[in-house]
Structure formats: C-alpha cells, structure tokens
Amino acid sequence: MPVFLPWVAILLLLLAKSNRCAQAWWIWAPLVCVATLERILVFPFLPSSLIETFVDVISALAFGIAAVWLLAPHLARRHRFVTFLCILPTLAGASALVCVIGQDWLGGEAATMVSVISLLGIVVFVVSVAMTFAGWACRGRYRPFRLSLWLIAALLVACLAATSPFFVFALIASGGRAPWLEFLGGMLAMAGVIFGTLLPFLALSFANSFFRERLKGLLHLKPMSPPPPFPAALASAA
C-alpha cells in the first residue's frame, strides 16, 4: 500500500474545522523530525531482525500521537479517566491503521506482522497511561519541565509493568536463568525511545500556543498562578 497515505490522513485532519488555523500546520514539524530520526538512529540493543519492526512501531506511534493532538478538542473530557478512555482507542486506532498500511501483506511474514502489532499495542498502552499519570502527578499545573520529568518517570514505570509478564514467563521457562540485565536494559531503552518519539510533540506544544492548549486539555492542566504584584504583596503583608 502507498506509504504516503498516513501523511494524507494527517492532511485530512488538518482540514477539520477545529484545525483551520496556521498554527495547526506545525504538526508536520514533529512528524518530519521523527521520520528523519528513524533513518539515522541506530538501535544496538536490538537484534538486526527486530530493528525494522521497532522502526515500524515508532513511525506508527508518531502518526498516532499527531492524530491525538489534532483531535484533542474531541478527546478531552471533564473527568481524567474518561479522557484516558478517549485517548487510548484513538491512539491505538490511528497507530494501527498506519502500521497496517505500512506492512507488505503480499510478501511479508505473518510472524513479523504479529510482532509489530503486539509491540505497538504495548507501546500505545504505555504512552496513554504515562500521559494520564504525568498529568495527574502535575496536580493540574502546567509546568513544562516538571511535566517532562513526570512523563519520563511514568514511562519507566509503565514499561516495567507492561513488560514484566513477559519476563516472568521467560524466567519460569528458563528455570530462573532469565537475563536480568538484558531485560532492564531493554526496558530502559524502550522507555527512552518512546520518550524520544514524544519529545518533538512536547516541544511543539511548549512552543506553540495552539498545541499548548491542546496538551493542557488532554492532561487536565492549567497554567501556574502568576505571583501577586509587588505592591499588593506588601499590602497583604501589612
């Protein structure tokens, strides 16, 4: 299938009424950034047979995040958990669609396709949970640096929780001789790559007022209260 279809899908989302402004078109910047990094990054922690799978997942995730950013007004709800329930299927559906489009269904192996979809499902769940938790941990305050730190921590915890069942199964199957260091290294690398994929979209949201409001809506954040004017502070002290 044509590889340009995901780009066309993003273009169609930009034509929606809620995205009809010049600032919305900056969504191309993080997509191009991720697409460029995919071609120059090296993944030494992965076997060569899995590198293509990992790159496919990163690409699909980037388009899924872009779709969530563009559909944010329709996903943000009054309650945080309901917003999470809107983000998860949207991110999963958009990412899965890109993943399906990018697969070679005529010459590809079924096992490879299953591994791509399975890894994508884990990554989508990790991202949705981490974003929701990071927003909650910020206590409703929009502070970019603190949000980034909480997001990194949430990604680490979510990656550990999502991959632990597979490690436990490997531990049982190997009679307790599972590679602990390889597991921890892979988990850290997975969290790092996911954050690296999210980072261009976060940078766009921090710098662009249009997407900043989208991010605050998705994570239920509001700006920090400005400090009181100096004369007012003196008057209250008196």
Protein backbone atom coordinates (compact mmCIF):
# COMPACT_ATOMS: atom_id res chain seq x y z
CA MET A 1 0.00 0.00 0.00
CA PRO A 2 1.19 3.58 -0.63
CA VAL A 3 3.36 4.83 2.22
CA PHE A 4 2.10 8.40 1.73
CA LEU A 5 -1.42 7.55 2.93
CA PRO A 6 -0.66 8.36 6.61
CA TRP A 7 0.52 11.82 5.52
CA VAL A 8 -2.70 12.27 3.56
CA ALA A 9 -4.70 11.25 6.64
CA ILE A 10 -2.99 13.96 8.70
CA LEU A 11 -3.75 16.45 5.93
CA LEU A 12 -7.44 15.50 6.10
CA LEU A 13 -7.43 16.03 9.87
CA LEU A 14 -5.94 19.48 9.31
CA LEU A 15 -8.95 20.33 7.16
CA ALA A 16 -11.30 19.78 10.11
CA LYS A 17 -12.97 22.94 11.43
CA SER A 18 -11.13 22.80 14.77
CA ASN A 19 -7.76 22.78 12.97
CA ARG A 20 -8.33 25.53 10.44
CA CYS A 21 -5.57 27.87 11.52
CA ALA A 22 -1.96 28.39 10.52
CA GLN A 23 -0.57 27.17 13.85
CA ALA A 24 -2.12 23.73 13.39
CA TRP A 25 0.10 23.10 10.37
CA TRP A 26 3.14 22.97 12.64
CA ILE A 27 2.11 19.36 13.36
CA TRP A 28 4.24 18.48 10.32
CA ALA A 29 7.40 19.51 12.22
CA PRO A 30 7.46 16.66 14.79
CA LEU A 31 6.35 14.15 12.16
CA VAL A 32 9.22 15.10 9.86
CA CYS A 33 11.57 15.10 12.86
CA VAL A 34 10.63 11.53 13.84
CA ALA A 35 10.74 10.35 10.22
CA THR A 36 14.26 11.78 9.89
CA LEU A 37 15.50 10.27 13.16
CA GLU A 38 14.21 6.86 12.13
CA ARG A 39 16.68 6.85 9.25
CA ILE A 40 19.76 7.94 11.18
CA LEU A 41 19.34 6.33 14.61
CA VAL A 42 21.00 3.04 15.45
CA PHE A 43 19.43 0.54 17.85
CA PRO A 44 22.36 -1.51 19.21
CA PHE A 45 20.19 -3.06 21.91
CA LEU A 46 18.02 -4.81 19.31
CA PRO A 47 18.80 -7.83 17.15
CA SER A 48 19.00 -6.95 13.47
CA SER A 49 15.84 -8.98 12.83
CA LEU A 50 13.85 -6.69 15.13
CA ILE A 51 15.16 -3.30 14.04
CA GLU A 52 12.70 -2.98 11.17
CA THR A 53 9.85 -3.97 13.48
CA PHE A 54 10.89 -1.33 16.01
CA VAL A 55 11.16 1.37 13.34
CA ASP A 56 7.67 0.49 12.04
CA VAL A 57 6.27 0.84 15.57
CA ILE A 58 7.95 4.24 16.09
CA SER A 59 6.59 5.54 12.80
CA ALA A 60 3.07 4.33 13.56
CA LEU A 61 3.23 5.80 17.06
CA ALA A 62 4.29 9.21 15.72
CA PHE A 63 1.29 9.40 13.40
CA GLY A 64 -0.96 8.20 16.21
CA ILE A 65 0.27 10.97 18.51
CA ALA A 66 -0.24 13.52 15.73
CA ALA A 67 -3.83 12.31 15.34
CA VAL A 68 -4.42 12.65 19.10
CA TRP A 69 -3.00 16.19 19.06
CA LEU A 70 -5.26 17.17 16.14
CA LEU A 71 -8.35 15.52 17.65
CA ALA A 72 -7.66 16.79 21.18
CA PRO A 73 -10.80 19.01 21.44
CA HIS A 74 -12.95 15.93 20.85
CA LEU A 75 -10.96 13.71 23.25
CA ALA A 76 -10.61 15.95 26.30
CA ARG A 77 -13.41 15.30 28.77
CA ARG A 78 -14.32 16.66 32.16
CA HIS A 79 -13.01 13.62 34.02
CA ARG A 80 -9.41 12.49 33.60
CA PHE A 81 -10.23 8.79 33.34
CA VAL A 82 -12.81 9.40 30.62
CA THR A 83 -10.20 11.41 28.71
CA PHE A 84 -7.85 8.44 29.04
CA LEU A 85 -10.56 6.17 27.63
CA CYS A 86 -10.83 8.51 24.64
CA ILE A 87 -7.07 8.86 24.09
CA LEU A 88 -6.32 5.12 24.22
CA PRO A 89 -8.58 3.91 21.36
CA THR A 90 -7.76 6.98 19.24
CA LEU A 91 -4.02 6.46 19.61
CA ALA A 92 -4.42 2.71 19.09
CA GLY A 93 -6.67 3.04 16.06
CA ALA A 94 -4.59 5.68 14.28
CA SER A 95 -1.30 3.90 15.01
CA ALA A 96 -2.68 0.50 13.99
CA LEU A 97 -4.01 1.94 10.74
CA VAL A 98 -0.58 3.35 9.86
CA CYS A 99 1.02 0.08 10.85
CA VAL A 100 -1.33 -1.95 8.65
CA ILE A 101 -0.78 0.39 5.72
CA GLY A 102 2.98 0.08 6.05
CA GLN A 103 3.10 -3.73 6.03
CA ASP A 104 3.87 -5.81 2.97
CA TRP A 105 0.84 -8.10 3.03
CA LEU A 106 1.86 -9.92 -0.13
CA GLY A 107 5.47 -10.75 0.67
CA GLY A 108 5.63 -10.27 4.43
CA GLU A 109 5.72 -13.00 7.02
CA ALA A 110 2.76 -13.45 9.35
CA ALA A 111 5.05 -13.74 12.38
CA THR A 112 6.62 -10.36 11.64
CA MET A 113 3.23 -8.68 11.33
CA VAL A 114 2.05 -10.20 14.59
CA SER A 115 5.19 -8.99 16.39
CA VAL A 116 4.73 -5.46 15.03
CA ILE A 117 1.08 -5.29 16.11
CA SER A 118 1.86 -6.79 19.53
CA LEU A 119 4.71 -4.38 20.24
CA LEU A 120 2.60 -1.47 19.01
CA GLY A 121 -0.21 -2.45 21.36
CA ILE A 122 2.17 -2.42 24.33
CA VAL A 123 3.67 0.92 23.32
CA VAL A 124 0.26 2.56 22.80
CA PHE A 125 -0.92 1.41 26.22
CA VAL A 126 2.30 2.64 27.84
CA VAL A 127 2.01 6.08 26.21
CA SER A 128 -1.66 6.52 27.13
CA VAL A 129 -1.09 5.52 30.76
CA ALA A 130 2.09 7.58 31.10
CA MET A 131 0.47 10.74 29.71
CA THR A 132 -2.52 10.38 32.02
CA PHE A 133 -0.36 9.71 35.07
CA ALA A 134 2.00 12.60 34.28
CA GLY A 135 -0.93 14.98 34.04
CA TRP A 136 -2.27 13.75 37.37
CA ALA A 137 1.16 13.96 39.03
CA CYS A 138 1.49 17.60 38.00
CA ARG A 139 -1.57 18.33 40.17
CA GLY A 140 -3.26 20.21 37.40
CA ARG A 141 -0.44 22.76 37.00
CA TYR A 142 1.16 23.34 33.61
CA ARG A 143 4.90 23.30 34.21
CA PRO A 144 6.76 22.00 31.14
CA PHE A 145 9.94 20.87 32.90
CA ARG A 146 8.08 19.13 35.71
CA LEU A 147 5.70 17.55 33.21
CA SER A 148 8.62 16.18 31.21
CA LEU A 149 10.21 14.67 34.32
CA TRP A 150 6.96 13.05 35.41
CA LEU A 151 6.41 11.73 31.91
CA ILE A 152 9.84 10.08 31.91
CA ALA A 153 9.15 8.51 35.30
CA ALA A 154 5.69 7.36 34.20
CA LEU A 155 7.11 5.82 31.02
CA LEU A 156 9.67 3.87 33.02
CA VAL A 157 7.04 2.51 35.41
CA ALA A 158 4.56 1.75 32.62
CA CYS A 159 7.21 -0.01 30.52
CA LEU A 160 8.24 -2.09 33.53
CA ALA A 161 4.62 -3.02 34.27
CA ALA A 162 3.83 -3.83 30.63
CA THR A 163 6.90 -5.99 30.01
CA SER A 164 7.12 -7.75 33.40
CA PRO A 165 4.63 -10.53 32.49
CA PHE A 166 6.81 -11.50 29.51
CA PHE A 167 9.90 -11.51 31.71
CA VAL A 168 8.19 -13.64 34.36
CA PHE A 169 7.18 -16.13 31.67
CA ALA A 170 10.76 -16.22 30.38
CA LEU A 171 12.02 -16.63 33.94
CA ILE A 172 9.76 -19.63 34.53
CA ALA A 173 10.54 -21.17 31.14
CA SER A 174 14.30 -20.87 31.70
CA GLY A 175 14.23 -22.23 35.24
CA GLY A 176 15.21 -18.94 36.84
CA ARG A 177 18.08 -18.15 34.48
CA ALA A 178 16.47 -15.23 32.62
CA PRO A 179 18.84 -12.37 31.64
CA TRP A 180 18.08 -9.66 34.18
CA LEU A 181 20.49 -7.08 32.79
CA GLU A 182 19.21 -7.53 29.24
CA PHE A 183 15.64 -7.15 30.44
CA LEU A 184 16.35 -3.96 32.39
CA GLY A 185 18.44 -2.55 29.54
CA GLY A 186 15.72 -3.29 27.02
CA MET A 187 13.06 -1.76 29.27
CA LEU A 188 15.10 1.43 29.75
CA ALA A 189 15.80 1.63 26.02
CA MET A 190 12.11 1.16 25.24
CA ALA A 191 11.11 3.97 27.60
CA GLY A 192 13.83 6.18 26.14
CA VAL A 193 12.78 5.61 22.54
CA ILE A 194 9.12 6.24 23.39
CA PHE A 195 10.02 9.49 25.13
CA GLY A 196 12.21 10.41 22.17
CA THR A 197 9.20 9.94 19.90
CA LEU A 198 7.02 12.04 22.20
CA LEU A 199 9.62 14.76 22.69
CA PRO A 200 9.14 16.60 19.34
CA PHE A 201 5.39 16.76 20.02
CA LEU A 202 6.01 18.02 23.54
CA ALA A 203 8.44 20.64 22.22
CA LEU A 204 5.81 21.75 19.71
CA SER A 205 3.23 22.04 22.49
CA PHE A 206 5.58 24.01 24.73
CA ALA A 207 6.42 26.47 21.94
CA ASN A 208 3.11 26.70 20.07
CA SER A 209 0.13 28.25 21.90
CA PHE A 210 -2.36 26.32 19.75
CA PHE A 211 -0.99 22.92 20.68
CA ARG A 212 -0.16 24.05 24.21
CA GLU A 213 -3.87 24.42 24.88
CA ARG A 214 -4.44 21.01 23.31
CA LEU A 215 -1.89 19.42 25.62
CA LYS A 216 -3.29 21.13 28.69
CA GLY A 217 -6.76 19.93 27.76
CA LEU A 218 -5.64 16.34 27.27
CA LEU A 219 -3.72 16.23 30.54
CA HIS A 220 -6.13 18.43 32.53
CA LEU A 221 -3.51 21.07 33.22
CA LYS A 222 -3.79 24.78 33.80
CA PRO A 223 -1.08 27.45 33.88
CA MET A 224 0.68 28.33 37.10
CA SER A 225 -0.90 31.17 39.03
CA PRO A 226 1.13 34.34 38.45
CA PRO A 227 2.79 35.84 41.53
CA PRO A 228 0.90 38.74 43.08
CA PRO A 229 2.01 42.24 42.09
CA PHE A 230 4.68 43.65 44.37
CA PRO A 231 2.52 46.44 45.86
CA ALA A 232 -0.33 44.01 46.51
CA ALA A 233 2.05 41.63 48.25
CA LEU A 234 3.25 44.46 50.53
CA ALA A 235 -0.31 45.50 51.30
CA SER A 236 -1.33 41.98 52.29
CA ALA A 237 1.76 41.66 54.49
CA ALA A 238 0.86 44.89 56.25
